[in-house]
Amino acid sequence: MKNVLITGAAGTAGRTLACYLESRARVTACRHAELDITDEARVRKAIAEKRPEIVFNCAGYTRVDDAEKEPELAHRINVDGPRILSLALAETGGKLVHLSTDYVFDGEKRTPYLSDDLVGPLGIYAQTKADSEKAVLGSGGRHLVVRVAWLFKTGGRTFLSRLKDLILREKHLRVANDREGPCTYAPDLAEALWELAQKDALGIYHFANAGSCSWHGFAEELLAAARKLGLPVRTETLEPVSSNSFSSRALRPEYSVLDLGKTVELLEKTPRHWKETLPDFLREKP
């Protein structure tokens, strides 16, 4: 079994990955309090002690709007941290699997973004994630960047994650319908991250569940799936609205569908369509 270290283990991706790998690897799952990736001395000590063959970096500053007023903190966590990890692992021969985001793109395209398309970040958060990719891949090690979009799972803090509770609680929901992207069910991401690492993939790859939608489209399908399962849904109406109806500091891409061809070719399988994941999502315990 491989020695694996996971940073950001308190977040949705890190927590789900740690659970998935429990029986597949020797896992050290570190929350921020246990390993601050911006602390170079602590990072080097952890890597020296644990000798991980693979580090999955699930840590990050993900508060997109707050990043506009905390650019230095966002940069320290999203750029300096991954750089420290990648340089330390380049010296030991370990491999970093670093999570990035669809937000590195500007949304001007109307066909799925390829992994080698030029990035065009629209805000501070997006810029730090684009810079993190350069930092990791320019460190000299054999590292992997995986761009992920619209992550969801029970207990997660993303809007798609919270929709599960909202449809059981609110009679009327206003949901944005003017942005299109892919959805990523966290358990499917965990499996893909492990398989990509096992395949020894390097460079930039994309992962999401197949298909795309707006947040409103996701909500419609989630509501229908919940009713089919007989859950006590309370929502009676889903009002489609513009994203501008909600206050936000940061710009977000209007279109951020990711091309999965490179990942599908390497793994020799296509991810489940996002609609197929909804029953599993709805059955999850808090």
Protein backbone atom coordinates (compact mmCIF):
# COMPACT_ATOMS: atom_id res chain seq x y z
CA MET A 1 0.00 0.00 0.00
CA LYS A 2 1.18 3.49 -0.85
CA ASN A 3 1.83 6.15 1.75
CA VAL A 4 -0.57 9.01 1.06
CA LEU A 5 -0.92 12.40 2.71
CA ILE A 6 -4.04 14.54 2.28
CA THR A 7 -4.05 18.25 3.10
CA GLY A 8 -7.28 20.15 3.70
CA ALA A 9 -8.88 17.02 5.14
CA ALA A 10 -11.68 19.01 6.78
CA GLY A 11 -13.06 20.17 3.43
CA THR A 12 -15.46 18.30 1.17
CA ALA A 13 -12.86 16.98 -1.29
CA GLY A 14 -10.30 16.08 1.37
CA ARG A 15 -12.79 14.43 3.71
CA THR A 16 -14.33 12.37 0.91
CA LEU A 17 -10.94 11.33 -0.46
CA ALA A 18 -9.71 10.25 2.98
CA CYS A 19 -12.79 8.06 3.38
CA TYR A 20 -12.37 6.54 -0.09
CA LEU A 21 -8.68 5.73 0.44
CA GLU A 22 -9.13 4.29 3.93
CA SER A 23 -8.86 0.70 2.67
CA ARG A 24 -6.68 1.45 -0.37
CA ALA A 25 -3.63 3.22 1.07
CA ARG A 26 -1.87 4.21 4.27
CA VAL A 27 -3.45 7.60 4.74
CA THR A 28 -2.42 10.59 6.81
CA ALA A 29 -5.28 13.08 6.60
CA CYS A 30 -4.33 16.56 7.84
CA ARG A 31 -6.68 19.39 8.69
CA HIS A 32 -5.37 22.95 8.63
CA ALA A 33 -4.61 22.87 12.37
CA GLU A 34 -2.50 19.75 11.84
CA LEU A 35 -0.65 20.97 8.76
CA ASP A 36 -0.63 24.55 7.51
CA ILE A 37 0.68 24.24 3.96
CA THR A 38 2.06 27.79 4.06
CA ASP A 39 4.43 26.81 6.89
CA GLU A 40 7.45 25.49 5.03
CA ALA A 41 9.18 24.04 8.09
CA ARG A 42 6.09 22.08 9.12
CA VAL A 43 5.51 20.86 5.57
CA ARG A 44 9.09 19.61 5.21
CA LYS A 45 8.92 17.94 8.62
CA ALA A 46 5.64 16.17 7.76
CA ILE A 47 6.99 14.93 4.45
CA ALA A 48 10.24 13.78 6.07
CA GLU A 49 8.36 11.88 8.78
CA LYS A 50 5.55 10.37 6.70
CA ARG A 51 7.51 9.89 3.44
CA PRO A 52 4.34 10.06 1.31
CA GLU A 53 4.58 8.79 -2.24
CA ILE A 54 1.55 10.94 -3.11
CA VAL A 55 0.24 14.12 -1.53
CA PHE A 56 -3.28 15.20 -2.47
CA ASN A 57 -3.55 18.93 -1.89
CA CYS A 58 -7.19 19.59 -1.08
CA ALA A 59 -6.36 22.66 1.01
CA GLY A 60 -7.20 26.08 -0.35
CA TYR A 61 -8.77 29.48 0.08
CA THR A 62 -12.14 28.95 -1.61
CA ARG A 63 -14.19 31.98 -0.51
CA VAL A 64 -14.41 33.51 -3.97
CA ASP A 65 -15.95 36.84 -2.97
CA ASP A 66 -13.86 37.28 0.19
CA ALA A 67 -10.69 36.86 -1.86
CA GLU A 68 -11.39 40.25 -3.44
CA LYS A 69 -10.76 41.90 -0.06
CA GLU A 70 -8.15 39.41 1.19
CA PRO A 71 -5.86 38.99 -1.84
CA GLU A 72 -2.68 38.46 0.17
CA LEU A 73 -4.22 35.70 2.29
CA ALA A 74 -5.71 34.03 -0.79
CA HIS A 75 -2.33 34.18 -2.54
CA ARG A 76 -0.49 32.77 0.47
CA ILE A 77 -2.81 29.78 0.78
CA ASN A 78 -3.53 29.12 -2.90
CA VAL A 79 -0.11 29.86 -4.41
CA ASP A 80 2.60 29.82 -1.76
CA GLY A 81 1.22 26.69 -0.08
CA PRO A 82 1.13 24.51 -3.21
CA ARG A 83 4.56 25.82 -4.22
CA ILE A 84 6.01 24.75 -0.86
CA LEU A 85 4.42 21.31 -1.16
CA SER A 86 5.54 20.76 -4.74
CA LEU A 87 9.14 21.86 -4.13
CA ALA A 88 9.46 19.66 -1.04
CA LEU A 89 8.07 16.66 -2.90
CA ALA A 90 10.27 17.31 -5.93
CA GLU A 91 13.24 16.78 -3.61
CA THR A 92 11.94 13.52 -2.11
CA GLY A 93 10.56 12.04 -5.32
CA GLY A 94 6.99 12.21 -4.09
CA LYS A 95 4.14 13.40 -6.25
CA LEU A 96 1.69 16.23 -5.66
CA VAL A 97 -1.88 15.97 -6.94
CA HIS A 98 -3.16 19.55 -6.72
CA LEU A 99 -6.80 20.57 -7.09
CA SER A 100 -7.58 23.59 -9.25
CA THR A 101 -10.79 25.03 -10.67
CA ASP A 102 -12.84 25.86 -13.75
CA TYR A 103 -12.71 29.49 -12.59
CA VAL A 104 -9.28 29.87 -14.22
CA PHE A 105 -11.20 30.39 -17.49
CA ASP A 106 -12.96 33.61 -18.53
CA GLY A 107 -16.15 31.96 -19.79
CA GLU A 108 -15.97 33.52 -23.25
CA LYS A 109 -15.81 30.15 -24.96
CA ARG A 110 -18.99 28.22 -25.78
CA THR A 111 -17.46 24.79 -26.27
CA PRO A 112 -15.86 22.75 -23.46
CA TYR A 113 -12.50 24.04 -22.28
CA LEU A 114 -9.49 21.85 -23.07
CA SER A 115 -6.78 21.36 -20.48
CA ASP A 116 -4.29 23.32 -22.59
CA ASP A 117 -6.59 26.26 -23.40
CA LEU A 118 -5.30 29.65 -22.31
CA VAL A 119 -6.55 30.68 -18.90
CA GLY A 120 -8.23 34.04 -18.27
CA PRO A 121 -9.05 34.43 -14.58
CA LEU A 122 -11.69 37.07 -13.80
CA GLY A 123 -11.05 37.65 -10.09
CA ILE A 124 -8.52 37.31 -7.29
CA TYR A 125 -9.53 33.77 -6.35
CA ALA A 126 -9.35 32.65 -9.97
CA GLN A 127 -5.98 34.36 -10.45
CA THR A 128 -4.51 32.64 -7.40
CA LYS A 129 -5.66 29.25 -8.69
CA ALA A 130 -4.15 29.94 -12.12
CA ASP A 131 -0.92 31.00 -10.42
CA SER A 132 -0.99 27.86 -8.27
CA GLU A 133 -0.99 25.72 -11.41
CA LYS A 134 2.15 27.47 -12.65
CA ALA A 135 3.80 27.14 -9.26
CA VAL A 136 3.15 23.38 -9.06
CA LEU A 137 4.03 22.50 -12.63
CA GLY A 138 7.10 24.76 -12.59
CA SER A 139 8.55 23.23 -9.43
CA GLY A 140 10.58 20.58 -11.21
CA GLY A 141 8.72 17.60 -9.79
CA ARG A 142 6.43 15.04 -11.38
CA HIS A 143 3.17 16.64 -10.36
CA LEU A 144 -0.46 16.63 -11.45
CA VAL A 145 -3.06 19.42 -11.51
CA VAL A 146 -6.74 18.40 -11.63
CA ARG A 147 -9.28 21.10 -12.41
CA VAL A 148 -12.65 20.51 -10.77
CA ALA A 149 -15.96 22.39 -11.08
CA TRP A 150 -19.15 22.81 -9.03
CA LEU A 151 -18.33 20.27 -6.32
CA PHE A 152 -21.22 18.93 -4.25
CA LYS A 153 -21.78 16.50 -1.40
CA THR A 154 -23.92 16.33 1.74
CA GLY A 155 -22.47 18.65 4.35
CA GLY A 156 -20.56 20.71 1.79
CA ARG A 157 -20.61 24.51 1.79
CA THR A 158 -21.20 25.01 -1.93
CA PHE A 159 -24.61 26.13 -3.15
CA LEU A 160 -25.22 22.83 -4.94
CA SER A 161 -24.43 20.97 -1.71
CA ARG A 162 -26.83 23.14 0.29
CA LEU A 163 -29.67 22.71 -2.24
CA LYS A 164 -30.40 19.30 -0.77
CA ASP A 165 -31.40 20.90 2.53
CA LEU A 166 -33.07 23.89 0.89
CA ILE A 167 -35.60 21.82 -1.08
CA LEU A 168 -36.64 20.12 2.16
CA ARG A 169 -37.08 23.45 3.94
CA GLU A 170 -38.08 26.26 1.57
CA LYS A 171 -41.36 26.59 -0.36
CA HIS A 172 -39.92 28.99 -2.92
CA LEU A 173 -36.35 29.12 -4.22
CA ARG A 174 -34.71 31.66 -6.53
CA VAL A 175 -31.89 30.00 -8.45
CA ALA A 176 -29.54 31.44 -11.07
CA ASN A 177 -30.00 30.12 -14.58
CA ASP A 178 -27.49 32.18 -16.60
CA ARG A 179 -24.25 30.29 -16.01
CA GLU A 180 -23.41 26.89 -17.45
CA GLY A 181 -20.88 24.48 -16.04
CA PRO A 182 -20.21 20.87 -15.09
CA CYS A 183 -21.09 19.31 -11.73
CA THR A 184 -18.73 17.17 -9.69
CA TYR A 185 -20.02 14.67 -7.15
CA ALA A 186 -17.30 14.41 -4.50
CA PRO A 187 -17.25 10.57 -4.19
CA ASP A 188 -16.77 10.28 -7.96
CA LEU A 189 -13.96 12.84 -7.77
CA ALA A 190 -12.22 10.86 -5.02
CA GLU A 191 -12.23 7.72 -7.16
CA ALA A 192 -10.94 9.63 -10.19
CA LEU A 193 -8.14 11.34 -8.24
CA TRP A 194 -6.87 8.00 -6.99
CA GLU A 195 -7.08 6.41 -10.44
CA LEU A 196 -5.27 9.35 -12.07
CA ALA A 197 -2.53 9.12 -9.45
CA GLN A 198 -2.27 5.36 -10.00
CA LYS A 199 -1.98 5.88 -13.76
CA ASP A 200 0.93 8.23 -13.09
CA ALA A 201 -0.73 11.08 -14.96
CA LEU A 202 1.26 14.32 -15.10
CA GLY A 203 0.40 17.87 -16.14
CA ILE A 204 -3.17 19.22 -16.22
CA TYR A 205 -6.31 17.09 -16.34
CA HIS A 206 -10.00 17.92 -15.98
CA PHE A 207 -12.55 16.00 -13.96
CA ALA A 208 -16.28 16.46 -13.52
CA ASN A 209 -19.31 14.29 -13.99
CA ALA A 210 -20.52 14.09 -17.59
CA GLY A 211 -22.96 16.69 -18.88
CA SER A 212 -23.51 20.32 -17.93
CA CYS A 213 -26.25 22.54 -16.56
CA SER A 214 -27.12 25.79 -14.84
CA TRP A 215 -27.69 25.95 -11.10
CA HIS A 216 -31.40 26.17 -11.86
CA GLY A 217 -31.19 23.08 -14.06
CA PHE A 218 -29.45 21.22 -11.25
CA ALA A 219 -32.12 22.29 -8.79
CA GLU A 220 -34.92 21.11 -11.10
CA GLU A 221 -33.36 17.66 -11.49
CA LEU A 222 -32.58 17.39 -7.79
CA LEU A 223 -36.16 18.26 -6.89
CA ALA A 224 -37.52 15.67 -9.34
CA ALA A 225 -35.15 12.99 -8.01
CA ALA A 226 -36.10 13.79 -4.42
CA ARG A 227 -39.81 13.46 -5.21
CA LYS A 228 -39.15 10.16 -7.00
CA LEU A 229 -37.43 8.86 -3.86
CA GLY A 230 -40.39 9.95 -1.76
CA LEU A 231 -38.48 12.52 0.26
CA PRO A 232 -40.52 15.18 2.09
CA VAL A 233 -39.68 18.05 -0.25
CA ARG A 234 -41.20 21.42 0.61
CA THR A 235 -40.21 23.42 -2.46
CA GLU A 236 -43.15 24.17 -4.71
CA THR A 237 -41.58 26.67 -7.11
CA LEU A 238 -38.10 27.22 -8.52
CA GLU A 239 -37.78 30.73 -9.91
CA PRO A 240 -35.03 31.16 -12.55
CA VAL A 241 -33.18 34.43 -11.98
CA SER A 242 -30.04 36.22 -13.13
CA SER A 243 -26.84 35.77 -11.14
CA ASN A 244 -26.86 39.56 -10.83
CA SER A 245 -29.82 39.16 -8.47
CA PHE A 246 -27.35 38.08 -5.80
CA SER A 247 -24.67 40.34 -4.40
CA SER A 248 -21.11 39.26 -5.16
CA ARG A 249 -17.75 40.98 -5.30
CA ALA A 250 -16.05 38.65 -7.75
CA LEU A 251 -16.82 38.01 -11.40
CA ARG A 252 -17.44 34.41 -12.37
CA PRO A 253 -17.29 32.74 -15.80
CA GLU A 254 -20.66 32.46 -17.55
CA TYR A 255 -19.53 29.24 -19.22
CA SER A 256 -17.02 26.86 -17.66
CA VAL A 257 -17.77 23.40 -19.04
CA LEU A 258 -14.60 21.29 -18.96
CA ASP A 259 -13.55 18.93 -21.73
CA LEU A 260 -13.01 15.50 -20.18
CA GLY A 261 -11.52 13.78 -23.22
CA LYS A 262 -7.96 13.59 -21.88
CA THR A 263 -9.14 12.06 -18.60
CA VAL A 264 -11.54 9.64 -20.31
CA GLU A 265 -8.76 8.43 -22.61
CA LEU A 266 -6.34 7.80 -19.76
CA LEU A 267 -8.84 6.15 -17.40
CA GLU A 268 -10.58 4.34 -20.26
CA LYS A 269 -14.01 5.17 -18.93
CA THR A 270 -16.47 8.06 -18.97
CA PRO A 271 -17.62 9.56 -15.66
CA ARG A 272 -21.25 9.09 -14.69
CA HIS A 273 -23.63 11.76 -15.90
CA TRP A 274 -24.30 14.20 -13.07
CA LYS A 275 -28.01 13.30 -13.10
CA GLU A 276 -27.11 9.68 -12.27
CA THR A 277 -25.38 10.80 -9.07
CA LEU A 278 -28.40 12.57 -7.59
CA PRO A 279 -30.05 9.54 -5.94
CA ASP A 280 -26.75 8.72 -4.20
CA PHE A 281 -26.40 12.35 -3.12
CA LEU A 282 -29.96 12.44 -1.77
CA ARG A 283 -29.54 9.19 0.17
CA GLU A 284 -26.36 10.36 1.94
CA LYS A 285 -26.56 10.79 5.69
CA PRO A 286 -25.50 14.18 7.12
